[in-house]
C-alpha atoms as a PDB file:
ATOM      1  CA  GLN A   1     -30.339 -14.509 107.964  1.00  0.00           C
ATOM      2  CA  CYS A   2     -30.430 -16.714 111.058  1.00  0.00           C
ATOM      3  CA  THR A   3     -33.974 -17.883 110.417  1.00  0.00           C
ATOM      4  CA  GLU A   4     -33.235 -19.014 106.889  1.00  0.00           C
ATOM      5  CA  ALA A   5     -29.992 -20.737 107.916  1.00  0.00           C
ATOM      6  CA  LEU A   6     -31.742 -22.558 110.773  1.00  0.00           C
ATOM      7  CA  LYS A   7     -34.654 -23.573 108.518  1.00  0.00           C
ATOM      8  CA  GLY A   8     -32.055 -25.061 106.158  1.00  0.00           C
ATOM      9  CA  ILE A   9     -31.108 -27.683 108.768  1.00  0.00           C
ATOM     10  CA  LYS A  10     -33.514 -30.580 108.276  1.00  0.00           C
ATOM     11  CA  PHE A  11     -34.201 -33.279 110.867  1.00  0.00           C
ATOM     12  CA  SER A  12     -35.428 -36.856 110.714  1.00  0.00           C
ATOM     13  CA  SER A  13     -37.397 -38.788 113.319  1.00  0.00           C
ATOM     14  CA  ALA A  14     -36.574 -42.075 115.029  1.00  0.00           C
ATOM     15  CA  ALA A  15     -38.146 -44.581 117.377  1.00  0.00           C
ATOM     16  CA  VAL A  16     -36.354 -46.580 120.022  1.00  0.00           C
ATOM     17  CA  VAL A  17     -37.868 -49.939 120.957  1.00  0.00           C
ATOM     18  CA  GLY A  18     -36.445 -51.508 124.089  1.00  0.00           C
ATOM     19  CA  PHE A  19     -36.976 -55.151 125.001  1.00  0.00           C
ATOM     20  CA  ALA A  20     -36.341 -56.943 128.282  1.00  0.00           C
ATOM     21  CA  LEU A  21     -36.227 -60.721 127.891  1.00  0.00           C
ATOM     22  CA  LYS A  22     -35.997 -63.425 130.518  1.00  0.00           C
ATOM     23  CA  ALA A  23     -33.492 -66.069 129.408  1.00  0.00           C
ATOM     24  CA  SER A  24     -30.905 -68.294 131.053  1.00  0.00           C
ATOM     25  CA  GLN A  25     -28.233 -66.985 128.665  1.00  0.00           C
ATOM     26  CA  CYS A  26     -27.895 -64.727 125.666  1.00  0.00           C
ATOM     27  CA  PRO A  27     -30.451 -66.130 123.188  1.00  0.00           C
ATOM     28  CA  TRP A  28     -28.603 -65.353 119.966  1.00  0.00           C
ATOM     29  CA  ALA A  29     -25.563 -66.929 118.348  1.00  0.00           C
ATOM     30  CA  LYS A  30     -22.103 -66.061 119.686  1.00  0.00           C
ATOM     31  CA  GLN A  31     -20.933 -64.628 116.336  1.00  0.00           C
ATOM     32  CA  TYR A  32     -23.644 -61.939 116.661  1.00  0.00           C
ATOM     33  CA  GLN A  33     -22.854 -61.001 120.248  1.00  0.00           C
ATOM     34  CA  GLY A  34     -21.295 -57.598 120.784  1.00  0.00           C
ATOM     35  CA  PHE A  35     -22.137 -53.929 121.223  1.00  0.00           C
ATOM     36  CA  GLY A  36     -24.746 -54.048 118.465  1.00  0.00           C
ATOM     37  CA  TYR A  37     -24.894 -53.290 114.777  1.00  0.00           C
ATOM     38  CA  LEU A  38     -25.941 -50.618 112.289  1.00  0.00           C
ATOM     39  CA  ILE A  39     -27.727 -51.232 109.017  1.00  0.00           C
ATOM     40  CA  PRO A  40     -27.120 -48.841 106.110  1.00  0.00           C
ATOM     41  CA  PRO A  41     -30.316 -47.361 104.609  1.00  0.00           C
ATOM     42  CA  SER A  42     -29.360 -48.889 101.248  1.00  0.00           C
ATOM     43  CA  GLU A  43     -30.267 -52.313 102.735  1.00  0.00           C
ATOM     44  CA  GLY A  44     -33.944 -51.306 102.881  1.00  0.00           C
ATOM     45  CA  GLN A  45     -34.463 -52.712 106.395  1.00  0.00           C
ATOM     46  CA  ASP A  46     -37.101 -51.450 108.833  1.00  0.00           C
ATOM     47  CA  ILE A  47     -34.514 -50.801 111.541  1.00  0.00           C
ATOM     48  CA  LEU A  48     -31.443 -48.570 111.643  1.00  0.00           C
ATOM     49  CA  GLY A  49     -29.627 -50.842 114.062  1.00  0.00           C
ATOM     50  CA  THR A  50     -29.592 -52.641 117.362  1.00  0.00           C
ATOM     51  CA  LEU A  51     -27.875 -52.118 120.712  1.00  0.00           C
ATOM     52  CA  MET A  52     -27.196 -55.122 122.918  1.00  0.00           C
ATOM     53  CA  GLU A  53     -27.214 -53.492 126.355  1.00  0.00           C
ATOM     54  CA  SER A  54     -26.850 -56.740 128.283  1.00  0.00           C
ATOM     55  CA  LEU A  55     -23.600 -57.497 126.493  1.00  0.00           C
ATOM     56  CA  THR A  56     -22.293 -53.927 126.570  1.00  0.00           C
ATOM     57  CA  PHE A  57     -23.236 -53.297 130.213  1.00  0.00           C
ATOM     58  CA  PRO A  58     -23.578 -56.761 131.790  1.00  0.00           C
ATOM     59  CA  ALA A  59     -23.583 -55.465 135.371  1.00  0.00           C
ATOM     60  CA  ALA A  60     -26.515 -53.129 134.659  1.00  0.00           C
ATOM     61  CA  GLN A  61     -29.072 -55.966 134.388  1.00  0.00           C
ATOM     62  CA  PRO A  62     -30.010 -58.620 136.905  1.00  0.00           C
ATOM     63  CA  GLU A  63     -28.937 -62.154 136.039  1.00  0.00           C
ATOM     64  CA  GLY A  64     -31.284 -63.814 133.583  1.00  0.00           C
ATOM     65  CA  ILE A  65     -32.428 -60.520 132.042  1.00  0.00           C
ATOM     66  CA  ILE A  66     -31.391 -59.771 128.466  1.00  0.00           C
ATOM     67  CA  ARG A  67     -31.865 -56.233 127.140  1.00  0.00           C
ATOM     68  CA  VAL A  68     -31.779 -55.302 123.478  1.00  0.00           C
ATOM     69  CA  THR A  69     -32.891 -52.089 121.752  1.00  0.00           C
ATOM     70  CA  CYS A  70     -33.814 -51.450 118.115  1.00  0.00           C
ATOM     71  CA  MET A  71     -33.722 -48.038 116.463  1.00  0.00           C
ATOM     72  CA  ILE A  72     -36.285 -47.457 113.725  1.00  0.00           C
ATOM     73  CA  GLY A  73     -36.126 -44.595 111.258  1.00  0.00           C
ATOM     74  CA  LYS A  74     -38.532 -45.683 108.535  1.00  0.00           C
ATOM     75  CA  ALA A  75     -40.988 -42.803 108.025  1.00  0.00           C
ATOM     76  CA  GLU A  76     -43.887 -45.126 107.112  1.00  0.00           C
ATOM     77  CA  LEU A  77     -43.631 -46.856 110.490  1.00  0.00           C
ATOM     78  CA  LEU A  78     -43.102 -43.686 112.499  1.00  0.00           C
ATOM     79  CA  SER A  79     -46.194 -42.060 111.002  1.00  0.00           C
ATOM     80  CA  GLN A  80     -48.458 -44.869 112.285  1.00  0.00           C
ATOM     81  CA  PRO A  81     -50.615 -43.987 115.309  1.00  0.00           C
ATOM     82  CA  ASP A  82     -50.136 -47.424 116.872  1.00  0.00           C
ATOM     83  CA  ASP A  83     -46.873 -48.167 118.689  1.00  0.00           C
ATOM     84  CA  GLN A  84     -47.611 -51.876 118.227  1.00  0.00           C
ATOM     85  CA  LEU A  85     -46.686 -51.580 114.535  1.00  0.00           C
ATOM     86  CA  ILE A  86     -43.298 -50.240 115.586  1.00  0.00           C
ATOM     87  CA  VAL A  87     -42.860 -53.086 118.110  1.00  0.00           C
ATOM     88  CA  LEU A  88     -43.866 -55.647 115.473  1.00  0.00           C
ATOM     89  CA  ALA A  89     -41.280 -54.237 113.029  1.00  0.00           C
ATOM     90  CA  ALA A  90     -38.577 -54.467 115.729  1.00  0.00           C
ATOM     91  CA  GLU A  91     -39.585 -58.038 116.636  1.00  0.00           C
ATOM     92  CA  GLN A  92     -39.487 -59.086 112.982  1.00  0.00           C
ATOM     93  CA  ALA A  93     -36.057 -57.500 112.554  1.00  0.00           C
ATOM     94  CA  LEU A  94     -34.707 -59.293 115.649  1.00  0.00           C
ATOM     95  CA  GLN A  95     -36.062 -62.572 114.302  1.00  0.00           C
ATOM     96  CA  ARG A  96     -34.461 -61.943 110.901  1.00  0.00           C
ATOM     97  CA  HIS A  97     -31.107 -60.786 112.272  1.00  0.00           C
ATOM     98  CA  LEU A  98     -30.682 -62.620 115.575  1.00  0.00           C
ATOM     99  CA  GLY A  99     -33.061 -65.567 115.290  1.00  0.00           C
ATOM    100  CA  LEU A 100     -35.414 -64.511 118.101  1.00  0.00           C
ATOM    101  CA  CYS A 101     -38.949 -65.820 117.518  1.00  0.00           C
ATOM    102  CA  PHE A 102     -41.202 -63.779 119.805  1.00  0.00           C
ATOM    103  CA  ARG A 103     -44.276 -65.824 118.837  1.00  0.00           C
ATOM    104  CA  THR A 104     -42.801 -69.091 120.178  1.00  0.00           C
ATOM    105  CA  GLY A 105     -40.289 -67.731 122.692  1.00  0.00           C
ATOM    106  CA  GLN A 106     -37.489 -69.762 121.113  1.00  0.00           C
ATOM    107  CA  SER A 107     -34.236 -68.580 119.638  1.00  0.00           C
ATOM    108  CA  ALA A 108     -32.433 -70.035 116.640  1.00  0.00           C
ATOM    109  CA  VAL A 109     -29.746 -71.398 119.000  1.00  0.00           C
ATOM    110  CA  GLY A 110     -32.331 -73.219 121.137  1.00  0.00           C
ATOM    111  CA  VAL A 111     -32.442 -70.843 124.096  1.00  0.00           C
ATOM    112  CA  PRO A 112     -35.998 -70.271 125.322  1.00  0.00           C
ATOM    113  CA  PHE A 113     -36.924 -66.736 126.330  1.00  0.00           C
ATOM    114  CA  SER A 114     -39.970 -64.783 127.427  1.00  0.00           C
ATOM    115  CA  MET A 115     -40.774 -61.125 127.025  1.00  0.00           C
ATOM    116  CA  LEU A 116     -40.828 -59.161 130.275  1.00  0.00           C
ATOM    117  CA  TRP A 117     -41.577 -55.767 128.785  1.00  0.00           C
ATOM    118  CA  THR A 118     -41.201 -53.502 125.777  1.00  0.00           C
ATOM    119  CA  ALA A 119     -40.932 -49.737 125.702  1.00  0.00           C
ATOM    120  CA  VAL A 120     -41.363 -47.507 122.651  1.00  0.00           C
ATOM    121  CA  ILE A 121     -40.219 -43.916 122.479  1.00  0.00           C
ATOM    122  CA  VAL A 122     -40.728 -41.964 119.264  1.00  0.00           C
ATOM    123  CA  GLN A 123     -38.598 -38.849 118.950  1.00  0.00           C
ATOM    124  CA  ARG A 124     -39.845 -36.465 116.264  1.00  0.00           C
ATOM    125  CA  GLN A 125     -37.364 -34.365 114.308  1.00  0.00           C
ATOM    126  CA  CYS A 126     -34.448 -35.447 116.507  1.00  0.00           C
ATOM    127  CA  ILE A 127     -31.590 -36.294 114.117  1.00  0.00           C
ATOM    128  CA  PRO A 128     -30.054 -33.400 112.180  1.00  0.00           C
ATOM    129  CA  GLN A 129     -29.392 -34.149 108.528  1.00  0.00           C
ATOM    130  CA  TYR A 130     -26.213 -32.549 107.242  1.00  0.00           C
ATOM    131  CA  SER A 131     -27.295 -31.763 103.702  1.00  0.00           C
ATOM    132  CA  LEU A 132     -25.273 -30.035 101.005  1.00  0.00           C
ATOM    133  CA  GLY A 133     -24.294 -26.565 102.219  1.00  0.00           C
ATOM    134  CA  HIS A 134     -24.524 -27.431 105.938  1.00  0.00           C
ATOM    135  CA  LYS A 135     -21.037 -26.157 106.779  1.00  0.00           C
ATOM    136  CA  LYS A 136     -21.728 -22.892 104.953  1.00  0.00           C
ATOM    137  CA  ARG A 137     -25.000 -22.424 106.911  1.00  0.00           C
ATOM    138  CA  VAL A 138     -23.248 -23.095 110.223  1.00  0.00           C
ATOM    139  CA  ASN A 139     -20.423 -20.654 109.435  1.00  0.00           C
ATOM    140  CA  LEU A 140     -23.012 -17.994 108.553  1.00  0.00           C
ATOM    141  CA  LEU A 141     -24.842 -18.628 111.838  1.00  0.00           C
ATOM    142  CA  LYS A 142     -21.596 -18.364 113.804  1.00  0.00           C
ATOM    143  CA  ARG A 143     -20.751 -15.008 112.189  1.00  0.00           C
ATOM    144  CA  VAL A 144     -24.269 -13.589 112.626  1.00  0.00           C
ATOM    145  CA  VAL A 145     -24.600 -14.733 116.257  1.00  0.00           C
ATOM    146  CA  GLU A 146     -21.084 -14.043 117.510  1.00  0.00           C
ATOM    147  CA  ALA A 147     -20.680 -10.562 115.982  1.00  0.00           C
ATOM    148  CA  PRO A 148     -23.245  -8.826 118.227  1.00  0.00           C
ATOM    149  CA  LEU A 149     -22.969 -11.387 121.051  1.00  0.00           C
ATOM    150  CA  PRO A 150     -19.319 -12.442 121.443  1.00  0.00           C
ATOM    151  CA  GLN A 151     -20.150 -14.234 124.702  1.00  0.00           C
ATOM    152  CA  LEU A 152     -22.364 -16.663 122.755  1.00  0.00           C
ATOM    153  CA  THR A 153     -21.237 -19.626 120.666  1.00  0.00           C
ATOM    154  CA  LEU A 154     -22.861 -22.509 118.806  1.00  0.00           C
ATOM    155  CA  ALA A 155     -22.571 -26.078 120.024  1.00  0.00           C
ATOM    156  CA  GLY A 156     -24.672 -29.189 119.583  1.00  0.00           C
ATOM    157  CA  GLN A 157     -25.669 -31.871 117.130  1.00  0.00           C
ATOM    158  CA  SER A 158     -27.621 -29.475 114.937  1.00  0.00           C
ATOM    159  CA  TYR A 159     -24.361 -27.822 113.938  1.00  0.00           C
ATOM    160  CA  PHE A 160     -21.417 -30.174 114.482  1.00  0.00           C
ATOM    161  CA  GLY A 161     -20.590 -33.812 115.050  1.00  0.00           C
ATOM    162  CA  VAL A 162     -22.465 -37.084 115.289  1.00  0.00           C
ATOM    163  CA  GLY A 163     -23.395 -38.816 118.537  1.00  0.00           C
ATOM    164  CA  VAL A 164     -22.808 -38.317 122.233  1.00  0.00           C
ATOM    165  CA  ASN A 165     -19.000 -38.425 122.056  1.00  0.00           C
ATOM    166  CA  ASP A 166     -18.927 -35.533 119.579  1.00  0.00           C
ATOM    167  CA  ALA A 167     -21.463 -33.573 121.639  1.00  0.00           C
ATOM    168  CA  ILE A 168     -19.240 -33.861 124.719  1.00  0.00           C
ATOM    169  CA  ARG A 169     -16.072 -32.987 122.793  1.00  0.00           C
ATOM    170  CA  ILE A 170     -17.672 -30.008 121.034  1.00  0.00           C
ATOM    171  CA  SER A 171     -19.155 -28.697 124.290  1.00  0.00           C
ATOM    172  CA  ARG A 172     -15.754 -28.811 125.970  1.00  0.00           C
ATOM    173  CA  GLU A 173     -14.140 -27.077 122.993  1.00  0.00           C
ATOM    174  CA  ALA A 174     -16.825 -24.362 123.053  1.00  0.00           C
ATOM    175  CA  VAL A 175     -16.284 -23.738 126.786  1.00  0.00           C
ATOM    176  CA  ASP A 176     -12.489 -23.624 126.339  1.00  0.00           C
ATOM    177  CA  GLU A 177     -12.863 -21.229 123.407  1.00  0.00           C
ATOM    178  CA  LEU A 178     -15.113 -18.903 125.426  1.00  0.00           C
ATOM    179  CA  LYS A 179     -12.775 -19.059 128.443  1.00  0.00           C
ATOM    180  CA  ASP A 180      -9.816 -18.134 126.228  1.00  0.00           C
ATOM    181  CA  LYS A 181     -11.788 -15.339 124.597  1.00  0.00           C
ATOM    182  CA  TRP A 182     -12.780 -13.815 127.940  1.00  0.00           C
ATOM    183  CA  LYS A 183      -9.594 -14.538 129.889  1.00  0.00           C
ATOM    184  CA  LYS A 184      -8.317 -11.491 131.764  1.00  0.00           C
ATOM    185  CA  PRO A 185      -4.744 -10.504 130.884  1.00  0.00           C
END
């Protein structure tokens, strides 16, 4: 029962492409400055979204260093053996969305920049996909696991929640639930 329920949870892959740019100021327009942005799959873009670390965590970078990260989920790109194709897709997306021309080192708002480094990390099968029947599978797993092993519980992105905040919340709830279950009278 457990094996079939676990096999029913599908996962997708993603790549993270980090850029460090040298620039005197943020090289994209003020109306685009913020935490970042997500792009719905229905838009057909190569990237899932962008994080603007230098704007979110300004004290974490030295002055004159701009950090931005693209997340890529397009299977055709992730299946390529060459990370440079992934970097190229991220660069093209940043040019399209933020006006950063990596070829010339100029931004659409006239701020020159140069690339200091890029880093690509491809994570295979890392994002659980909550398909139809997911809640039913998870409830079955909980019953099957907790009946013979009441000291064990399920927690994590494969079963519940989306993102780091949910992972932290769910972990705390699981610990509290186990503490309550095993509290001495």
